[in-house]
Amino acid sequence: MLVGKGARNLHRRYRTRYHSPRRPFPRSSFVREDSIVGTKNRPEKLAAIHPAVADARAVLFDFDFTLADSSGGVVICVNHALSRLGLPESPGDAIARTIGLDLTTALAILAGEEQRPRGDEFLEHFRWKADEVMVDGTFFLPGAGPVLKTLHAAGYPLGIVSTKGRRRIEAALDRDGLRGTIEVIVGGDDVSRYKPDPEGLNKAAGLMGIPTGQCVYVGDSEVDARAAEAAGMPFIPVLSGTTPSGTLGEYPCRAVLSGVQEIIAGAQQT
């Protein structure tokens, strides 16, 4: 995907001094304590890693349209839930534009604000269908696997902060042999306030014991950008989702990438 003119405004850089020692991970059901990697193991020369990432102490990722594409499964689940509510189905492209939002907000966008009070019922039907189709309908984007493996091997603690349920993220990672690369997962069921609220990013950074300003967050949407800004976490947008580059250009970031594969030189070919 080519970067448009609007995206060129994205190249504002943060400069952060990294001086705080890492603290141990607190115990949590979604922290892999057996795979904590210290920054002391990081190689001296990391020429293959994009400079916007190389000096961070930890790297956090959104999931949908950043690391993976589950849009096929989401479309099936949303239209199933709409039908169960007696509402008309929505076009796939309209549903895709809601991916990354909480499901109650997605319902209001797709079916009208007056449907918002039915959000819990919509969620129940969505989850029932998702148990059947979501993991099989989720595919990692080109280069995502090599990027996670390379960063993990280089000693970067990695995390995922997403509105998607944590167990579905874990299942997709397990299926593709990537679960061991991720130390922290904060899903939509682990927070009381969804993005753009910074709760998820703050929780992930806290579990890692690393200040938010010394992490980077890689995401594809406006809610990702707003959450990172609110958390004081440097942001790296990728243009692999449905959000226009001009919209992302309204927020500060370290660099703009066409996709997550650009984090590691040659990752797409790996």
Protein backbone atom coordinates (compact mmCIF):
# COMPACT_ATOMS: atom_id res chain seq x y z
CA MET A 1 0.00 0.00 0.00
CA LEU A 2 1.45 3.37 -0.96
CA VAL A 3 1.60 6.21 1.52
CA GLY A 4 -0.39 9.22 0.33
CA LYS A 5 0.33 12.89 0.72
CA GLY A 6 -1.74 13.09 3.86
CA ALA A 7 0.38 10.42 5.48
CA ARG A 8 3.58 12.38 4.98
CA ASN A 9 2.42 14.71 7.72
CA LEU A 10 2.68 11.78 10.10
CA HIS A 11 6.46 11.79 10.41
CA ARG A 12 6.75 13.60 13.73
CA ARG A 13 9.16 11.96 16.10
CA TYR A 14 9.22 11.62 19.86
CA ARG A 15 12.49 11.65 21.74
CA THR A 16 12.44 9.74 25.01
CA ARG A 17 15.17 9.16 27.54
CA TYR A 18 15.17 5.62 28.81
CA HIS A 19 16.58 5.46 32.29
CA SER A 20 14.08 3.64 34.54
CA PRO A 21 14.96 0.04 35.40
CA ARG A 22 12.39 -2.60 34.54
CA ARG A 23 10.31 -4.00 37.37
CA PRO A 24 9.14 -7.61 37.46
CA PHE A 25 5.79 -8.43 35.87
CA PRO A 26 2.93 -8.51 38.39
CA ARG A 27 1.04 -11.81 38.40
CA SER A 28 -1.87 -11.83 35.97
CA SER A 29 -3.91 -14.32 34.01
CA PHE A 30 -2.83 -12.65 30.80
CA VAL A 31 0.91 -12.24 31.41
CA ARG A 32 3.21 -15.02 30.25
CA GLU A 33 5.72 -14.93 33.11
CA ASP A 34 7.74 -17.78 31.58
CA SER A 35 8.71 -15.68 28.57
CA ILE A 36 9.86 -12.40 30.11
CA VAL A 37 12.88 -11.15 28.23
CA GLY A 38 15.20 -8.49 29.60
CA THR A 39 16.51 -5.66 27.46
CA LYS A 40 20.03 -6.68 28.44
CA ASN A 41 19.69 -9.56 25.96
CA ARG A 42 19.08 -7.18 23.07
CA PRO A 43 21.83 -7.20 20.43
CA GLU A 44 23.98 -4.12 20.10
CA LYS A 45 23.19 -3.65 16.41
CA LEU A 46 19.61 -3.94 15.22
CA ALA A 47 19.93 -2.52 11.74
CA ALA A 48 17.02 -4.60 10.46
CA ILE A 49 14.56 -3.06 12.94
CA HIS A 50 12.82 0.18 11.95
CA PRO A 51 14.31 3.14 13.86
CA ALA A 52 10.85 4.18 15.09
CA VAL A 53 10.77 0.92 17.05
CA ALA A 54 14.43 0.17 17.74
CA ASP A 55 14.87 2.44 20.78
CA ALA A 56 11.63 1.46 22.53
CA ARG A 57 11.76 -0.73 25.62
CA ALA A 58 8.56 -2.57 24.69
CA VAL A 59 6.28 -2.83 21.65
CA LEU A 60 2.50 -3.08 21.89
CA PHE A 61 0.23 -3.92 18.96
CA ASP A 62 -3.42 -3.60 18.13
CA PHE A 63 -4.75 -6.85 16.66
CA ASP A 64 -7.37 -6.47 13.92
CA PHE A 65 -6.02 -4.87 10.72
CA THR A 66 -2.64 -4.40 12.44
CA LEU A 67 -1.41 -7.95 13.01
CA ALA A 68 -4.32 -9.90 11.56
CA ASP A 69 -7.40 -9.79 9.37
CA SER A 70 -10.52 -11.30 10.90
CA SER A 71 -12.93 -9.23 8.84
CA GLY A 72 -14.52 -12.26 7.17
CA GLY A 73 -15.47 -13.74 10.52
CA VAL A 74 -16.58 -10.38 11.90
CA VAL A 75 -18.94 -9.80 8.96
CA ILE A 76 -20.54 -13.21 9.50
CA CYS A 77 -20.93 -12.63 13.24
CA VAL A 78 -22.29 -9.09 12.94
CA ASN A 79 -24.89 -10.04 10.34
CA HIS A 80 -25.89 -13.07 12.38
CA ALA A 81 -26.43 -10.84 15.43
CA LEU A 82 -28.32 -8.22 13.41
CA SER A 83 -30.61 -10.91 12.05
CA ARG A 84 -31.27 -12.30 15.51
CA LEU A 85 -32.34 -8.81 16.57
CA GLY A 86 -34.71 -8.60 13.61
CA LEU A 87 -32.60 -5.97 11.90
CA PRO A 88 -31.41 -5.88 8.27
CA GLU A 89 -27.93 -7.15 7.49
CA SER A 90 -25.17 -4.62 6.71
CA PRO A 91 -22.71 -4.56 3.78
CA GLY A 92 -19.32 -6.05 4.47
CA ASP A 93 -17.44 -2.81 3.86
CA ALA A 94 -19.63 -0.94 6.35
CA ILE A 95 -19.01 -3.62 8.97
CA ALA A 96 -15.26 -3.56 8.27
CA ARG A 97 -15.15 0.15 9.10
CA THR A 98 -16.44 -0.63 12.61
CA ILE A 99 -13.76 -3.21 13.41
CA GLY A 100 -11.80 -2.03 16.42
CA LEU A 101 -14.80 -0.34 18.02
CA ASP A 102 -16.76 -1.92 20.84
CA LEU A 103 -19.76 -3.88 19.61
CA THR A 104 -22.37 -1.58 21.14
CA THR A 105 -20.92 1.35 19.22
CA ALA A 106 -20.73 -0.79 16.08
CA LEU A 107 -24.43 -1.65 16.47
CA ALA A 108 -25.35 2.02 16.81
CA ILE A 109 -23.36 2.92 13.68
CA LEU A 110 -24.78 0.09 11.58
CA ALA A 111 -28.40 0.04 12.76
CA GLY A 112 -29.00 3.47 14.26
CA GLU A 113 -28.38 5.11 17.59
CA GLU A 114 -31.80 3.98 18.83
CA GLN A 115 -30.46 0.39 18.84
CA ARG A 116 -27.68 1.15 21.34
CA PRO A 117 -29.70 -0.07 24.37
CA ARG A 118 -29.77 -3.51 22.73
CA GLY A 119 -25.98 -3.73 22.82
CA ASP A 120 -25.82 -6.56 25.37
CA GLU A 121 -28.21 -8.70 23.34
CA PHE A 122 -26.25 -7.95 20.18
CA LEU A 123 -23.01 -8.93 21.94
CA GLU A 124 -24.48 -12.22 23.12
CA HIS A 125 -25.51 -13.24 19.58
CA PHE A 126 -22.19 -12.06 18.16
CA ARG A 127 -20.20 -14.12 20.65
CA TRP A 128 -22.29 -17.25 20.04
CA LYS A 129 -21.51 -17.15 16.33
CA ALA A 130 -17.90 -16.12 16.93
CA ASP A 131 -17.31 -19.34 18.84
CA GLU A 132 -18.04 -21.15 15.57
CA VAL A 133 -16.23 -19.06 12.98
CA MET A 134 -13.92 -16.37 14.36
CA VAL A 135 -10.62 -18.18 14.81
CA ASP A 136 -10.90 -20.07 11.51
CA GLY A 137 -11.72 -16.75 9.84
CA THR A 138 -8.65 -14.95 11.26
CA PHE A 139 -5.44 -14.73 9.24
CA PHE A 140 -2.18 -13.02 10.18
CA LEU A 141 -1.17 -10.26 7.79
CA PRO A 142 1.94 -10.63 5.61
CA GLY A 143 5.08 -10.31 7.69
CA ALA A 144 3.30 -10.23 11.07
CA GLY A 145 4.69 -13.58 12.22
CA PRO A 146 8.31 -12.83 11.31
CA VAL A 147 8.03 -9.39 12.94
CA LEU A 148 6.81 -10.85 16.23
CA LYS A 149 9.44 -13.59 16.20
CA THR A 150 12.29 -11.22 15.35
CA LEU A 151 11.37 -8.62 17.97
CA HIS A 152 10.90 -11.31 20.61
CA ALA A 153 14.26 -12.89 19.78
CA ALA A 154 15.89 -9.46 20.00
CA GLY A 155 14.65 -9.08 23.59
CA TYR A 156 11.69 -6.74 23.18
CA PRO A 157 8.76 -7.44 25.51
CA LEU A 158 5.70 -7.58 23.23
CA GLY A 159 2.04 -7.08 23.99
CA ILE A 160 -1.34 -6.87 22.29
CA VAL A 161 -4.01 -4.36 23.31
CA SER A 162 -7.27 -4.87 21.44
CA THR A 163 -11.03 -4.58 21.72
CA LYS A 164 -11.25 -8.22 20.59
CA GLY A 165 -11.74 -10.83 23.30
CA ARG A 166 -8.47 -12.11 24.72
CA ARG A 167 -9.20 -15.83 24.27
CA ARG A 168 -9.79 -15.39 20.53
CA ILE A 169 -6.46 -13.58 20.19
CA GLU A 170 -4.76 -16.35 22.16
CA ALA A 171 -6.39 -19.03 20.00
CA ALA A 172 -5.19 -17.41 16.77
CA LEU A 173 -1.66 -17.01 18.15
CA ASP A 174 -1.62 -20.62 19.36
CA ARG A 175 -2.80 -21.92 15.99
CA ASP A 176 0.03 -20.17 14.16
CA GLY A 177 2.74 -20.93 16.73
CA LEU A 178 3.09 -17.29 17.83
CA ARG A 179 1.81 -17.39 21.40
CA GLY A 180 5.31 -17.65 22.83
CA THR A 181 6.29 -14.28 21.38
CA ILE A 182 3.70 -12.30 23.37
CA GLU A 183 4.14 -11.47 27.06
CA VAL A 184 0.96 -9.45 27.69
CA ILE A 185 -2.50 -9.53 26.11
CA VAL A 186 -5.17 -7.04 27.16
CA GLY A 187 -8.43 -7.75 25.38
CA GLY A 188 -11.79 -6.05 25.43
CA ASP A 189 -12.91 -8.32 28.25
CA ASP A 190 -10.00 -7.15 30.43
CA VAL A 191 -10.99 -3.48 30.62
CA SER A 192 -13.99 -1.48 31.77
CA ARG A 193 -13.44 1.29 29.20
CA TYR A 194 -12.64 0.58 25.55
CA LYS A 195 -10.30 2.48 23.28
CA PRO A 196 -9.93 5.42 22.76
CA ASP A 197 -9.78 5.36 26.54
CA PRO A 198 -6.14 4.59 27.47
CA GLU A 199 -7.04 1.99 30.13
CA GLY A 200 -5.86 -0.96 28.05
CA LEU A 201 -2.52 0.61 27.13
CA ASN A 202 -1.93 1.76 30.70
CA LYS A 203 -2.73 -1.73 31.98
CA ALA A 204 -0.38 -3.43 29.52
CA ALA A 205 2.49 -1.07 30.27
CA GLY A 206 1.89 -1.49 34.00
CA LEU A 207 1.98 -5.27 33.72
CA MET A 208 5.29 -4.98 31.89
CA GLY A 209 6.61 -2.57 34.52
CA ILE A 210 7.62 -0.10 31.81
CA PRO A 211 6.49 3.56 31.64
CA THR A 212 4.05 4.26 28.81
CA GLY A 213 6.41 6.81 27.28
CA GLN A 214 9.05 4.13 26.84
CA CYS A 215 6.76 1.79 24.90
CA VAL A 216 5.44 2.19 21.37
CA TYR A 217 1.95 1.28 20.18
CA VAL A 218 1.38 0.06 16.62
CA GLY A 219 -2.19 0.40 15.35
CA ASP A 220 -4.31 1.10 12.30
CA SER A 221 -7.24 3.21 13.49
CA GLU A 222 -8.21 6.57 14.92
CA VAL A 223 -9.19 4.99 18.24
CA ASP A 224 -5.68 3.50 18.43
CA ALA A 225 -4.14 6.92 17.83
CA ARG A 226 -6.38 8.60 20.39
CA ALA A 227 -5.71 5.91 23.00
CA ALA A 228 -1.94 6.21 22.52
CA GLU A 229 -2.07 9.99 22.77
CA ALA A 230 -4.16 9.81 25.95
CA ALA A 231 -1.73 7.29 27.48
CA GLY A 232 1.33 9.36 26.55
CA MET A 233 2.59 6.43 24.48
CA PRO A 234 4.41 7.01 21.15
CA PHE A 235 2.28 5.81 18.25
CA ILE A 236 3.16 4.14 14.95
CA PRO A 237 0.22 3.94 12.52
CA VAL A 238 0.00 1.28 9.84
CA LEU A 239 -2.13 1.79 6.75
CA SER A 240 -3.37 -1.81 6.56
CA GLY A 241 -6.82 -0.99 7.92
CA THR A 242 -9.77 1.10 6.75
CA THR A 243 -8.79 4.43 8.33
CA PRO A 244 -7.65 7.05 5.77
CA SER A 245 -4.11 8.32 6.11
CA GLY A 246 -5.46 11.87 6.36
CA THR A 247 -7.38 10.97 9.51
CA LEU A 248 -4.35 9.36 11.10
CA GLY A 249 -2.36 12.43 10.07
CA GLU A 250 -4.19 14.48 12.66
CA TYR A 251 -2.35 12.68 15.47
CA PRO A 252 1.32 12.71 16.50
CA CYS A 253 3.35 9.64 15.63
CA ARG A 254 6.89 8.38 15.22
CA ALA A 255 6.51 7.14 11.65
CA VAL A 256 3.83 5.90 9.28
CA LEU A 257 4.18 2.42 7.79
CA SER A 258 2.22 0.77 5.01
CA GLY A 259 1.96 -2.34 7.17
CA VAL A 260 3.46 -4.08 10.17
CA GLN A 261 5.92 -5.90 7.90
CA GLU A 262 7.94 -2.67 7.54
CA ILE A 263 9.04 -2.92 11.17
CA ILE A 264 11.58 -5.57 10.13
CA ALA A 265 13.51 -5.30 6.88
CA GLY A 266 12.56 -8.19 4.62
CA ALA A 267 9.78 -9.48 6.89
CA GLN A 268 7.23 -9.74 4.08
CA GLN A 269 9.50 -12.07 2.15
CA THR A 270 10.25 -14.27 5.17
